Amino acid sequence: MKQRINKTMQRFHAMNPRLLIVQLIITLAYPIAKAAISEYNRLLIFTDSLTIIAALLLIAGVLYSLYLHGDFDISSFLFRRGAQRGQARRQSFETFKANRREERENSFNYPLFLGLVYIIVALVLAYGFV
């Protein structure tokens, strides 16, 4: 359990602030624009569109989490082995899996994190101003 917590903390330390800011701008553009062009109930429209964006981000975050845990390694290995010639054909699955694990070791799941943050913000906005 302690090892899993340490690994999670390492992933939070691997978070790139520049990438996080870019993703914040991109994902908040639609709710802000939608609220800005509406005439009535701007807060309601903002929270509704933020909830929709959060749901999409949560779905993408779950899929990305599956990728980070290596659930698609065999599919990727077979596809690459069939599509490429030479070195990729001679590489074993264990070597491929070890290389992929090293690449994913310090990856951070931005969609899942932002989806959770947006759900919390939408709930606070919806119930905080009632």
N, C-alpha and C. Protein backbone atom coordinates (compact mmCIF):
# COMPACT_ATOMS: atom_id res chain seq x y z
N MET A 1 0.82 -1.19 0.00
CA MET A 1 0.00 0.00 0.00
C MET A 1 0.86 1.25 0.00
N LYS A 2 1.89 1.24 0.84
CA LYS A 2 2.78 2.40 0.91
C LYS A 2 3.53 2.61 -0.40
N GLN A 3 3.89 1.51 -1.05
CA GLN A 3 4.59 1.60 -2.33
C GLN A 3 3.67 2.21 -3.40
N ARG A 4 2.40 1.87 -3.36
CA ARG A 4 1.44 2.42 -4.32
C ARG A 4 1.25 3.92 -4.09
N ILE A 5 1.22 4.34 -2.83
CA ILE A 5 1.10 5.76 -2.51
C ILE A 5 2.33 6.51 -2.99
N ASN A 6 3.51 5.93 -2.78
CA ASN A 6 4.75 6.56 -3.25
C ASN A 6 4.75 6.70 -4.77
N LYS A 7 4.25 5.68 -5.46
CA LYS A 7 4.21 5.73 -6.92
C LYS A 7 3.24 6.82 -7.39
N THR A 8 2.12 6.95 -6.68
CA THR A 8 1.16 8.00 -7.02
C THR A 8 1.76 9.38 -6.80
N MET A 9 2.48 9.55 -5.72
CA MET A 9 3.12 10.83 -5.44
C MET A 9 4.19 11.15 -6.49
N GLN A 10 4.90 10.12 -6.97
CA GLN A 10 5.88 10.33 -8.03
C GLN A 10 5.19 10.83 -9.30
N ARG A 11 4.00 10.30 -9.57
CA ARG A 11 3.27 10.73 -10.76
C ARG A 11 2.81 12.17 -10.62
N PHE A 12 2.41 12.58 -9.42
CA PHE A 12 2.03 13.98 -9.22
C PHE A 12 3.24 14.90 -9.37
N HIS A 13 4.40 14.44 -8.96
CA HIS A 13 5.61 15.24 -9.14
C HIS A 13 6.03 15.30 -10.60
N ALA A 14 5.60 14.31 -11.39
CA ALA A 14 5.93 14.29 -12.82
C ALA A 14 5.00 15.18 -13.63
N MET A 15 4.02 15.80 -12.97
CA MET A 15 3.07 16.65 -13.68
C MET A 15 3.80 17.86 -14.26
N ASN A 16 3.56 18.10 -15.53
CA ASN A 16 4.16 19.22 -16.24
C ASN A 16 3.21 20.41 -16.17
N PRO A 17 3.56 21.49 -15.46
CA PRO A 17 2.64 22.62 -15.32
C PRO A 17 2.27 23.27 -16.66
N ARG A 18 3.18 23.31 -17.57
CA ARG A 18 2.90 23.91 -18.88
C ARG A 18 1.83 23.11 -19.62
N LEU A 19 1.95 21.79 -19.60
CA LEU A 19 0.96 20.94 -20.25
C LEU A 19 -0.38 21.03 -19.54
N LEU A 20 -0.36 21.13 -18.22
CA LEU A 20 -1.60 21.26 -17.46
C LEU A 20 -2.32 22.56 -17.81
N ILE A 21 -1.60 23.65 -17.93
CA ILE A 21 -2.20 24.94 -18.28
C ILE A 21 -2.80 24.89 -19.68
N VAL A 22 -2.10 24.27 -20.61
CA VAL A 22 -2.62 24.15 -21.98
C VAL A 22 -3.91 23.34 -21.98
N GLN A 23 -3.94 22.25 -21.24
CA GLN A 23 -5.15 21.43 -21.20
C GLN A 23 -6.28 22.14 -20.48
N LEU A 24 -5.96 22.93 -19.46
CA LEU A 24 -6.99 23.73 -18.80
C LEU A 24 -7.62 24.73 -19.76
N ILE A 25 -6.80 25.41 -20.54
CA ILE A 25 -7.31 26.39 -21.50
C ILE A 25 -8.18 25.72 -22.55
N ILE A 26 -7.73 24.60 -23.06
CA ILE A 26 -8.49 23.92 -24.12
C ILE A 26 -9.81 23.37 -23.59
N THR A 27 -9.79 22.76 -22.43
CA THR A 27 -11.02 22.14 -21.92
C THR A 27 -12.00 23.14 -21.34
N LEU A 28 -11.53 24.30 -20.89
CA LEU A 28 -12.43 25.31 -20.35
C LEU A 28 -12.94 26.28 -21.41
N ALA A 29 -12.42 26.20 -22.61
CA ALA A 29 -12.83 27.14 -23.66
C ALA A 29 -14.31 26.99 -24.00
N TYR A 30 -14.79 25.76 -24.14
CA TYR A 30 -16.20 25.56 -24.51
C TYR A 30 -17.16 26.02 -23.41
N PRO A 31 -16.98 25.61 -22.14
CA PRO A 31 -17.92 26.09 -21.12
C PRO A 31 -17.92 27.61 -20.95
N ILE A 32 -16.77 28.22 -21.02
CA ILE A 32 -16.70 29.68 -20.88
C ILE A 32 -17.36 30.37 -22.07
N ALA A 33 -17.09 29.89 -23.27
CA ALA A 33 -17.70 30.48 -24.47
C ALA A 33 -19.22 30.28 -24.46
N LYS A 34 -19.65 29.11 -24.06
CA LYS A 34 -21.08 28.83 -24.02
C LYS A 34 -21.78 29.73 -23.01
N ALA A 35 -21.17 29.94 -21.86
CA ALA A 35 -21.76 30.82 -20.84
C ALA A 35 -21.71 32.28 -21.28
N ALA A 36 -20.67 32.65 -22.00
CA ALA A 36 -20.52 34.04 -22.41
C ALA A 36 -21.55 34.45 -23.47
N ILE A 37 -21.92 33.54 -24.34
CA ILE A 37 -22.86 33.90 -25.40
C ILE A 37 -24.31 33.70 -25.00
N SER A 38 -24.56 33.10 -23.86
CA SER A 38 -25.95 32.91 -23.44
C SER A 38 -26.50 34.19 -22.82
N GLU A 39 -27.79 34.34 -22.91
CA GLU A 39 -28.41 35.54 -22.37
C GLU A 39 -28.91 35.35 -20.95
N TYR A 40 -29.41 34.17 -20.64
CA TYR A 40 -29.98 33.89 -19.33
C TYR A 40 -29.32 32.66 -18.72
N ASN A 41 -29.35 32.59 -17.42
CA ASN A 41 -28.86 31.44 -16.66
C ASN A 41 -27.42 31.07 -17.03
N ARG A 42 -26.54 32.01 -17.01
CA ARG A 42 -25.16 31.76 -17.41
C ARG A 42 -24.47 30.74 -16.51
N LEU A 43 -24.73 30.82 -15.21
CA LEU A 43 -24.10 29.87 -14.29
C LEU A 43 -24.60 28.46 -14.53
N LEU A 44 -25.89 28.31 -14.78
CA LEU A 44 -26.45 26.99 -15.07
C LEU A 44 -25.86 26.41 -16.36
N ILE A 45 -25.76 27.23 -17.37
CA ILE A 45 -25.18 26.77 -18.64
C ILE A 45 -23.71 26.43 -18.47
N PHE A 46 -22.99 27.22 -17.69
CA PHE A 46 -21.58 26.94 -17.44
C PHE A 46 -21.40 25.61 -16.70
N THR A 47 -22.20 25.39 -15.65
CA THR A 47 -22.06 24.14 -14.89
C THR A 47 -22.50 22.94 -15.71
N ASP A 48 -23.53 23.10 -16.53
CA ASP A 48 -23.96 21.98 -17.39
C ASP A 48 -22.89 21.61 -18.40
N SER A 49 -22.34 22.61 -19.07
CA SER A 49 -21.31 22.31 -20.07
C SER A 49 -20.01 21.83 -19.41
N LEU A 50 -19.72 22.32 -18.21
CA LEU A 50 -18.55 21.83 -17.48
C LEU A 50 -18.74 20.38 -17.07
N THR A 51 -19.95 20.00 -16.70
CA THR A 51 -20.24 18.61 -16.35
C THR A 51 -20.10 17.70 -17.57
N ILE A 52 -20.53 18.17 -18.72
CA ILE A 52 -20.39 17.36 -19.94
C ILE A 52 -18.92 17.18 -20.29
N ILE A 53 -18.14 18.23 -20.22
CA ILE A 53 -16.70 18.14 -20.48
C ILE A 53 -16.05 17.21 -19.46
N ALA A 54 -16.46 17.32 -18.20
CA ALA A 54 -15.89 16.46 -17.15
C ALA A 54 -16.21 14.99 -17.41
N ALA A 55 -17.43 14.70 -17.85
CA ALA A 55 -17.79 13.31 -18.15
C ALA A 55 -16.95 12.75 -19.29
N LEU A 56 -16.75 13.57 -20.32
CA LEU A 56 -15.90 13.12 -21.44
C LEU A 56 -14.46 12.91 -20.99
N LEU A 57 -13.97 13.80 -20.15
CA LEU A 57 -12.61 13.66 -19.64
C LEU A 57 -12.46 12.44 -18.74
N LEU A 58 -13.48 12.14 -17.96
CA LEU A 58 -13.43 10.94 -17.11
C LEU A 58 -13.39 9.66 -17.95
N ILE A 59 -14.17 9.62 -19.01
CA ILE A 59 -14.14 8.45 -19.90
C ILE A 59 -12.76 8.32 -20.55
N ALA A 60 -12.22 9.43 -21.05
CA ALA A 60 -10.89 9.40 -21.65
C ALA A 60 -9.84 9.04 -20.60
N GLY A 61 -10.02 9.51 -19.38
CA GLY A 61 -9.07 9.21 -18.30
C GLY A 61 -9.06 7.74 -17.92
N VAL A 62 -10.22 7.12 -17.92
CA VAL A 62 -10.30 5.69 -17.62
C VAL A 62 -9.60 4.89 -18.73
N LEU A 63 -9.84 5.25 -19.98
CA LEU A 63 -9.17 4.56 -21.08
C LEU A 63 -7.66 4.77 -21.04
N TYR A 64 -7.23 6.00 -20.72
CA TYR A 64 -5.81 6.28 -20.61
C TYR A 64 -5.19 5.54 -19.43
N SER A 65 -5.95 5.37 -18.37
CA SER A 65 -5.48 4.60 -17.22
C SER A 65 -5.25 3.14 -17.60
N LEU A 66 -6.16 2.60 -18.40
CA LEU A 66 -5.97 1.23 -18.89
C LEU A 66 -4.70 1.13 -19.73
N TYR A 67 -4.45 2.14 -20.54
CA TYR A 67 -3.23 2.17 -21.34
C TYR A 67 -2.00 2.25 -20.45
N LEU A 68 -2.06 3.09 -19.42
CA LEU A 68 -0.90 3.23 -18.52
C LEU A 68 -0.61 1.97 -17.74
N HIS A 69 -1.62 1.15 -17.52
CA HIS A 69 -1.40 -0.11 -16.80
C HIS A 69 -0.98 -1.24 -17.71
N GLY A 70 -0.92 -0.99 -19.02
CA GLY A 70 -0.41 -1.98 -19.96
C GLY A 70 -1.45 -2.93 -20.51
N ASP A 71 -2.71 -2.55 -20.45
CA ASP A 71 -3.76 -3.45 -20.93
C ASP A 71 -3.81 -3.57 -22.45
N PHE A 72 -3.22 -2.64 -23.16
CA PHE A 72 -3.24 -2.68 -24.62
C PHE A 72 -1.88 -3.05 -25.21
N ASP A 73 -0.96 -3.56 -24.38
CA ASP A 73 0.38 -3.87 -24.86
C ASP A 73 0.39 -4.97 -25.92
N ILE A 74 -0.36 -6.03 -25.70
CA ILE A 74 -0.33 -7.14 -26.65
C ILE A 74 -0.92 -6.71 -27.99
N SER A 75 -1.97 -5.91 -27.97
CA SER A 75 -2.57 -5.42 -29.22
C SER A 75 -1.58 -4.53 -29.97
N SER A 76 -0.93 -3.66 -29.25
CA SER A 76 0.05 -2.77 -29.87
C SER A 76 1.24 -3.56 -30.42
N PHE A 77 1.68 -4.55 -29.68
CA PHE A 77 2.81 -5.38 -30.12
C PHE A 77 2.46 -6.11 -31.41
N LEU A 78 1.29 -6.73 -31.45
CA LEU A 78 0.89 -7.48 -32.64
C LEU A 78 0.69 -6.56 -33.84
N PHE A 79 0.12 -5.39 -33.62
CA PHE A 79 -0.07 -4.45 -34.71
C PHE A 79 1.26 -3.96 -35.26
N ARG A 80 2.17 -3.59 -34.36
CA ARG A 80 3.48 -3.11 -34.82
C ARG A 80 4.28 -4.22 -35.50
N ARG A 81 4.19 -5.43 -34.97
CA ARG A 81 4.92 -6.54 -35.57
C ARG A 81 4.40 -6.84 -36.96
N GLY A 82 3.10 -6.71 -37.16
CA GLY A 82 2.52 -6.96 -38.48
C GLY A 82 2.78 -5.83 -39.46
N ALA A 83 2.88 -4.61 -38.96
CA ALA A 83 3.02 -3.44 -39.83
C ALA A 83 4.47 -3.16 -40.20
N GLN A 84 5.41 -3.51 -39.34
CA GLN A 84 6.81 -3.18 -39.58
C GLN A 84 7.61 -4.43 -39.93
N ARG A 85 8.72 -4.20 -40.53
CA ARG A 85 9.61 -5.30 -40.89
C ARG A 85 10.94 -5.10 -40.19
N GLY A 86 11.73 -6.13 -40.13
CA GLY A 86 13.09 -6.01 -39.60
C GLY A 86 13.16 -6.14 -38.09
N GLN A 87 13.65 -5.12 -37.42
CA GLN A 87 13.93 -5.15 -35.98
C GLN A 87 12.67 -5.43 -35.16
N ALA A 88 11.54 -4.90 -35.56
CA ALA A 88 10.31 -5.09 -34.79
C ALA A 88 9.87 -6.55 -34.80
N ARG A 89 10.17 -7.27 -35.86
CA ARG A 89 9.79 -8.68 -35.93
C ARG A 89 10.65 -9.54 -35.01
N ARG A 90 11.90 -9.15 -34.78
CA ARG A 90 12.79 -9.96 -33.95
C ARG A 90 12.66 -9.65 -32.47
N GLN A 91 11.99 -8.59 -32.13
CA GLN A 91 11.85 -8.20 -30.73
C GLN A 91 10.80 -9.09 -30.05
N SER A 92 11.13 -9.59 -28.85
CA SER A 92 10.17 -10.42 -28.13
C SER A 92 9.15 -9.54 -27.42
N PHE A 93 8.05 -10.17 -27.03
CA PHE A 93 7.00 -9.42 -26.35
C PHE A 93 7.46 -8.91 -24.99
N GLU A 94 8.27 -9.69 -24.29
CA GLU A 94 8.77 -9.27 -22.98
C GLU A 94 9.65 -8.02 -23.09
N THR A 95 10.49 -7.97 -24.12
CA THR A 95 11.32 -6.79 -24.35
C THR A 95 10.46 -5.58 -24.70
N PHE A 96 9.49 -5.81 -25.57
CA PHE A 96 8.57 -4.73 -25.95
C PHE A 96 7.82 -4.20 -24.73
N LYS A 97 7.34 -5.12 -23.88
CA LYS A 97 6.59 -4.73 -22.70
C LYS A 97 7.47 -3.96 -21.71
N ALA A 98 8.72 -4.38 -21.55
CA ALA A 98 9.65 -3.68 -20.65
C ALA A 98 9.93 -2.27 -21.16
N ASN A 99 10.13 -2.13 -22.47
CA ASN A 99 10.37 -0.80 -23.05
C ASN A 99 9.16 0.11 -22.87
N ARG A 100 7.97 -0.43 -23.07
CA ARG A 100 6.75 0.36 -22.91
C ARG A 100 6.55 0.77 -21.44
N ARG A 101 6.89 -0.13 -20.52
CA ARG A 101 6.74 0.18 -19.09
C ARG A 101 7.64 1.32 -18.69
N GLU A 102 8.84 1.35 -19.24
CA GLU A 102 9.77 2.44 -18.94
C GLU A 102 9.24 3.77 -19.48
N GLU A 103 8.62 3.74 -20.65
CA GLU A 103 8.06 4.97 -21.24
C GLU A 103 6.89 5.51 -20.42
N ARG A 104 6.07 4.60 -19.87
CA ARG A 104 4.87 5.01 -19.15
C ARG A 104 5.09 5.24 -17.66
N GLU A 105 6.26 4.96 -17.16
CA GLU A 105 6.50 4.98 -15.72
C GLU A 105 6.14 6.31 -15.06
N ASN A 106 6.52 7.40 -15.64
CA ASN A 106 6.28 8.70 -15.02
C ASN A 106 5.19 9.51 -15.73
N SER A 107 4.27 8.82 -16.37
CA SER A 107 3.18 9.51 -17.05
C SER A 107 2.11 9.92 -16.05
N PHE A 108 1.48 11.05 -16.31
CA PHE A 108 0.41 11.53 -15.45
C PHE A 108 -0.89 11.51 -16.23
N ASN A 109 -1.95 11.10 -15.59
CA ASN A 109 -3.26 10.98 -16.23
C ASN A 109 -4.01 12.30 -16.12
N TYR A 110 -3.70 13.23 -17.03
CA TYR A 110 -4.32 14.55 -17.01
C TYR A 110 -5.84 14.50 -17.23
N PRO A 111 -6.36 13.71 -18.17
CA PRO A 111 -7.81 13.71 -18.36
C PRO A 111 -8.59 13.27 -17.12
N LEU A 112 -8.11 12.25 -16.44
CA LEU A 112 -8.80 11.78 -15.24
C LEU A 112 -8.73 12.82 -14.13
N PHE A 113 -7.58 13.43 -13.95
CA PHE A 113 -7.40 14.45 -12.93
C PHE A 113 -8.29 15.66 -13.21
N LEU A 114 -8.27 16.16 -14.43
CA LEU A 114 -9.09 17.32 -14.77
C LEU A 114 -10.58 17.00 -14.72
N GLY A 115 -10.96 15.79 -15.10
CA GLY A 115 -12.36 15.40 -15.02
C GLY A 115 -12.87 15.41 -13.59
N LEU A 116 -12.05 14.89 -12.67
CA LEU A 116 -12.44 14.91 -11.26
C LEU A 116 -12.51 16.34 -10.72
N VAL A 117 -11.55 17.16 -11.08
CA VAL A 117 -11.55 18.56 -10.63
C VAL A 117 -12.77 19.29 -11.18
N TYR A 118 -13.10 19.08 -12.44
CA TYR A 118 -14.24 19.77 -13.04
C TYR A 118 -15.57 19.32 -12.42
N ILE A 119 -15.69 18.04 -12.10
CA ILE A 119 -16.91 17.55 -11.44
C ILE A 119 -17.06 18.22 -10.08
N ILE A 120 -15.97 18.31 -9.33
CA ILE A 120 -16.02 18.95 -8.02
C ILE A 120 -16.37 20.43 -8.16
N VAL A 121 -15.76 21.12 -9.12
CA VAL A 121 -16.06 22.54 -9.33
C VAL A 121 -17.52 22.73 -9.73
N ALA A 122 -18.03 21.87 -10.61
CA ALA A 122 -19.42 21.99 -11.03
C ALA A 122 -20.38 21.75 -9.86
N LEU A 123 -20.05 20.80 -9.00
CA LEU A 123 -20.89 20.55 -7.83
C LEU A 123 -20.86 21.73 -6.86
N VAL A 124 -19.69 22.28 -6.63
CA VAL A 124 -19.58 23.43 -5.73
C VAL A 124 -20.34 24.63 -6.30
N LEU A 125 -20.21 24.87 -7.59
CA LEU A 125 -20.92 25.99 -8.20
C LEU A 125 -22.44 25.76 -8.19
N ALA A 126 -22.86 24.54 -8.44
CA ALA A 126 -24.29 24.25 -8.50
C ALA A 126 -24.94 24.33 -7.13
N TYR A 127 -24.30 23.79 -6.11
CA TYR A 127 -24.92 23.77 -4.79
C TYR A 127 -24.45 24.89 -3.89
N GLY A 128 -23.40 25.57 -4.26
CA GLY A 128 -22.90 26.66 -3.44
C GLY A 128 -23.66 27.95 -3.62
N PHE A 129 -24.32 28.12 -4.74
CA PHE A 129 -25.03 29.35 -5.03
C PHE A 129 -26.55 29.18 -5.02
N VAL A 130 -27.04 28.13 -4.43
CA VAL A 130 -28.50 27.88 -4.39
C VAL A 130 -29.13 28.69 -3.30
